[in-house]
Amino acid sequence: MLGFPGETENTIKETIRWAKLLDPETAQFLLVNLYPEAPLHKKEQDDMGHTFLSIKKMRKWTKKAYREFYIRPKFFKKAVSRPNEYLFSQGQAIWKMLSNIF
């Protein structure tokens, strides 16, 4: 999940790097959703001084995380070598996700 208090662009880059290094079958990069009644909603920083990235920046980083994870040679190689697992069983979900990030 991306967007916790204290999250920086560097920590997001590290999360993306780890996801690619671990190389799971699929990955989800979700934003922390602060509801209007939540104590941290609409605050620029928490009580410890951690600042929040804007929602616009967080959406940009979420899209970047999906692109970096799914649009890379290693993932394509797995998808082509095992089409039943990637293209047929998960193909619709992956296609829907990719169409939402471009």
C-alpha atoms as a PDB file:
ATOM      1  CA  MET A   1       0.000   0.000   0.000  1.00  0.00           C
ATOM      2  CA  LEU A   2       1.174   3.451  -0.847  1.00  0.00           C
ATOM      3  CA  GLY A   3       0.468   6.724   0.915  1.00  0.00           C
ATOM      4  CA  PHE A   4       0.912   6.037   4.598  1.00  0.00           C
ATOM      5  CA  PRO A   5       2.030   8.958   6.798  1.00  0.00           C
ATOM      6  CA  GLY A   6       5.725   9.540   6.291  1.00  0.00           C
ATOM      7  CA  GLU A   7       5.705   7.973   2.814  1.00  0.00           C
ATOM      8  CA  THR A   8       8.147   9.721   0.507  1.00  0.00           C
ATOM      9  CA  GLU A   9       8.950   9.360  -3.146  1.00  0.00           C
ATOM     10  CA  ASN A  10      12.090   7.457  -2.116  1.00  0.00           C
ATOM     11  CA  THR A  11      10.130   4.947  -0.025  1.00  0.00           C
ATOM     12  CA  ILE A  12       7.719   4.424  -2.924  1.00  0.00           C
ATOM     13  CA  LYS A  13      10.653   3.776  -5.268  1.00  0.00           C
ATOM     14  CA  GLU A  14      11.935   1.231  -2.750  1.00  0.00           C
ATOM     15  CA  THR A  15       8.521  -0.488  -2.620  1.00  0.00           C
ATOM     16  CA  ILE A  16       8.465  -0.765  -6.420  1.00  0.00           C
ATOM     17  CA  ARG A  17      12.026  -2.078  -6.439  1.00  0.00           C
ATOM     18  CA  TRP A  18      11.152  -4.744  -3.852  1.00  0.00           C
ATOM     19  CA  ALA A  19       8.055  -5.818  -5.780  1.00  0.00           C
ATOM     20  CA  LYS A  20      10.151  -6.349  -8.902  1.00  0.00           C
ATOM     21  CA  LEU A  21      12.907  -8.091  -6.947  1.00  0.00           C
ATOM     22  CA  LEU A  22      10.470 -10.495  -5.243  1.00  0.00           C
ATOM     23  CA  ASP A  23       8.824 -11.102  -8.642  1.00  0.00           C
ATOM     24  CA  PRO A  24       5.433 -12.459  -7.540  1.00  0.00           C
ATOM     25  CA  GLU A  25       2.903 -13.673 -10.122  1.00  0.00           C
ATOM     26  CA  THR A  26       0.907 -10.443  -9.773  1.00  0.00           C
ATOM     27  CA  ALA A  27       1.199  -7.235  -7.780  1.00  0.00           C
ATOM     28  CA  GLN A  28      -1.217  -4.646  -6.493  1.00  0.00           C
ATOM     29  CA  PHE A  29      -0.222  -1.133  -5.580  1.00  0.00           C
ATOM     30  CA  LEU A  30      -3.098   0.380  -3.642  1.00  0.00           C
ATOM     31  CA  LEU A  31      -3.458   3.811  -2.096  1.00  0.00           C
ATOM     32  CA  VAL A  32      -4.230   4.241   1.571  1.00  0.00           C
ATOM     33  CA  ASN A  33      -7.744   5.622   1.688  1.00  0.00           C
ATOM     34  CA  LEU A  34      -8.338   8.121   4.465  1.00  0.00           C
ATOM     35  CA  TYR A  35     -12.047   8.604   5.013  1.00  0.00           C
ATOM     36  CA  PRO A  36     -13.365  12.107   5.785  1.00  0.00           C
ATOM     37  CA  GLU A  37     -14.003  11.254   9.442  1.00  0.00           C
ATOM     38  CA  ALA A  38     -10.530   9.730   9.877  1.00  0.00           C
ATOM     39  CA  PRO A  39      -8.235  11.795  12.130  1.00  0.00           C
ATOM     40  CA  LEU A  40      -5.568  12.116   9.428  1.00  0.00           C
ATOM     41  CA  HIS A  41      -7.947  13.247   6.679  1.00  0.00           C
ATOM     42  CA  LYS A  42      -7.149  16.684   5.234  1.00  0.00           C
ATOM     43  CA  LYS A  43      -4.002  17.074   7.328  1.00  0.00           C
ATOM     44  CA  GLU A  44      -0.759  17.929   5.654  1.00  0.00           C
ATOM     45  CA  GLN A  45       1.225  16.179   8.348  1.00  0.00           C
ATOM     46  CA  ASP A  46       0.600  13.858  11.243  1.00  0.00           C
ATOM     47  CA  ASP A  47       1.361  14.517  14.912  1.00  0.00           C
ATOM     48  CA  MET A  48       4.956  13.338  14.460  1.00  0.00           C
ATOM     49  CA  GLY A  49       5.634  15.804  11.647  1.00  0.00           C
ATOM     50  CA  HIS A  50       5.453  13.286   8.791  1.00  0.00           C
ATOM     51  CA  THR A  51       4.168  15.027   5.695  1.00  0.00           C
ATOM     52  CA  PHE A  52       1.743  13.486   3.222  1.00  0.00           C
ATOM     53  CA  LEU A  53       2.200  13.334  -0.521  1.00  0.00           C
ATOM     54  CA  SER A  54      -0.677  14.866  -2.469  1.00  0.00           C
ATOM     55  CA  ILE A  55      -3.320  12.567  -3.914  1.00  0.00           C
ATOM     56  CA  LYS A  56      -2.253  13.702  -7.386  1.00  0.00           C
ATOM     57  CA  LYS A  57       1.336  12.584  -6.708  1.00  0.00           C
ATOM     58  CA  MET A  58       0.145   9.330  -5.132  1.00  0.00           C
ATOM     59  CA  ARG A  59      -1.961   8.485  -8.193  1.00  0.00           C
ATOM     60  CA  LYS A  60       1.031   9.238 -10.406  1.00  0.00           C
ATOM     61  CA  TRP A  61       3.207   6.904  -8.354  1.00  0.00           C
ATOM     62  CA  THR A  62       0.558   4.167  -8.344  1.00  0.00           C
ATOM     63  CA  LYS A  63       0.400   4.229 -12.141  1.00  0.00           C
ATOM     64  CA  LYS A  64       4.186   4.241 -12.321  1.00  0.00           C
ATOM     65  CA  ALA A  65       4.380   1.237  -9.983  1.00  0.00           C
ATOM     66  CA  TYR A  66       1.992  -0.789 -12.145  1.00  0.00           C
ATOM     67  CA  ARG A  67       3.813   0.178 -15.337  1.00  0.00           C
ATOM     68  CA  GLU A  68       7.233  -0.673 -13.902  1.00  0.00           C
ATOM     69  CA  PHE A  69       6.039  -4.020 -12.573  1.00  0.00           C
ATOM     70  CA  TYR A  70       3.987  -5.265 -15.521  1.00  0.00           C
ATOM     71  CA  ILE A  71       5.780  -3.678 -18.460  1.00  0.00           C
ATOM     72  CA  ARG A  72       9.189  -5.246 -18.116  1.00  0.00           C
ATOM     73  CA  PRO A  73      10.947  -8.030 -19.992  1.00  0.00           C
ATOM     74  CA  LYS A  74      10.857 -10.491 -17.079  1.00  0.00           C
ATOM     75  CA  PHE A  75       7.070 -10.287 -16.747  1.00  0.00           C
ATOM     76  CA  PHE A  76       6.546 -10.578 -20.526  1.00  0.00           C
ATOM     77  CA  LYS A  77       8.829 -13.606 -20.610  1.00  0.00           C
ATOM     78  CA  LYS A  78       6.761 -15.303 -17.892  1.00  0.00           C
ATOM     79  CA  ALA A  79       3.499 -14.412 -19.643  1.00  0.00           C
ATOM     80  CA  VAL A  80       4.671 -15.792 -22.980  1.00  0.00           C
ATOM     81  CA  SER A  81       6.225 -18.933 -21.492  1.00  0.00           C
ATOM     82  CA  ARG A  82       3.059 -19.759 -19.495  1.00  0.00           C
ATOM     83  CA  PRO A  83       0.156 -18.289 -21.492  1.00  0.00           C
ATOM     84  CA  ASN A  84      -2.486 -20.413 -19.744  1.00  0.00           C
ATOM     85  CA  GLU A  85      -1.589 -18.870 -16.398  1.00  0.00           C
ATOM     86  CA  TYR A  86      -1.074 -15.284 -17.516  1.00  0.00           C
ATOM     87  CA  LEU A  87      -2.940 -14.585 -20.707  1.00  0.00           C
ATOM     88  CA  PHE A  88      -5.995 -16.771 -20.272  1.00  0.00           C
ATOM     89  CA  SER A  89      -6.714 -17.110 -16.561  1.00  0.00           C
ATOM     90  CA  GLN A  90      -5.451 -13.679 -15.431  1.00  0.00           C
ATOM     91  CA  GLY A  91      -5.519 -11.947 -18.797  1.00  0.00           C
ATOM     92  CA  GLN A  92      -8.782 -10.082 -18.300  1.00  0.00           C
ATOM     93  CA  ALA A  93      -7.777  -8.768 -14.895  1.00  0.00           C
ATOM     94  CA  ILE A  94      -4.337  -7.711 -16.112  1.00  0.00           C
ATOM     95  CA  TRP A  95      -5.774  -6.079 -19.246  1.00  0.00           C
ATOM     96  CA  LYS A  96      -8.362  -4.157 -17.191  1.00  0.00           C
ATOM     97  CA  MET A  97      -5.687  -3.002 -14.751  1.00  0.00           C
ATOM     98  CA  LEU A  98      -3.336  -1.923 -17.556  1.00  0.00           C
ATOM     99  CA  SER A  99      -6.077  -0.052 -19.389  1.00  0.00           C
ATOM    100  CA  ASN A 100      -6.753   1.956 -16.217  1.00  0.00           C
ATOM    101  CA  ILE A 101      -3.162   3.104 -15.795  1.00  0.00           C
ATOM    102  CA  PHE A 102      -2.637   4.594 -19.242  1.00  0.00           C
END
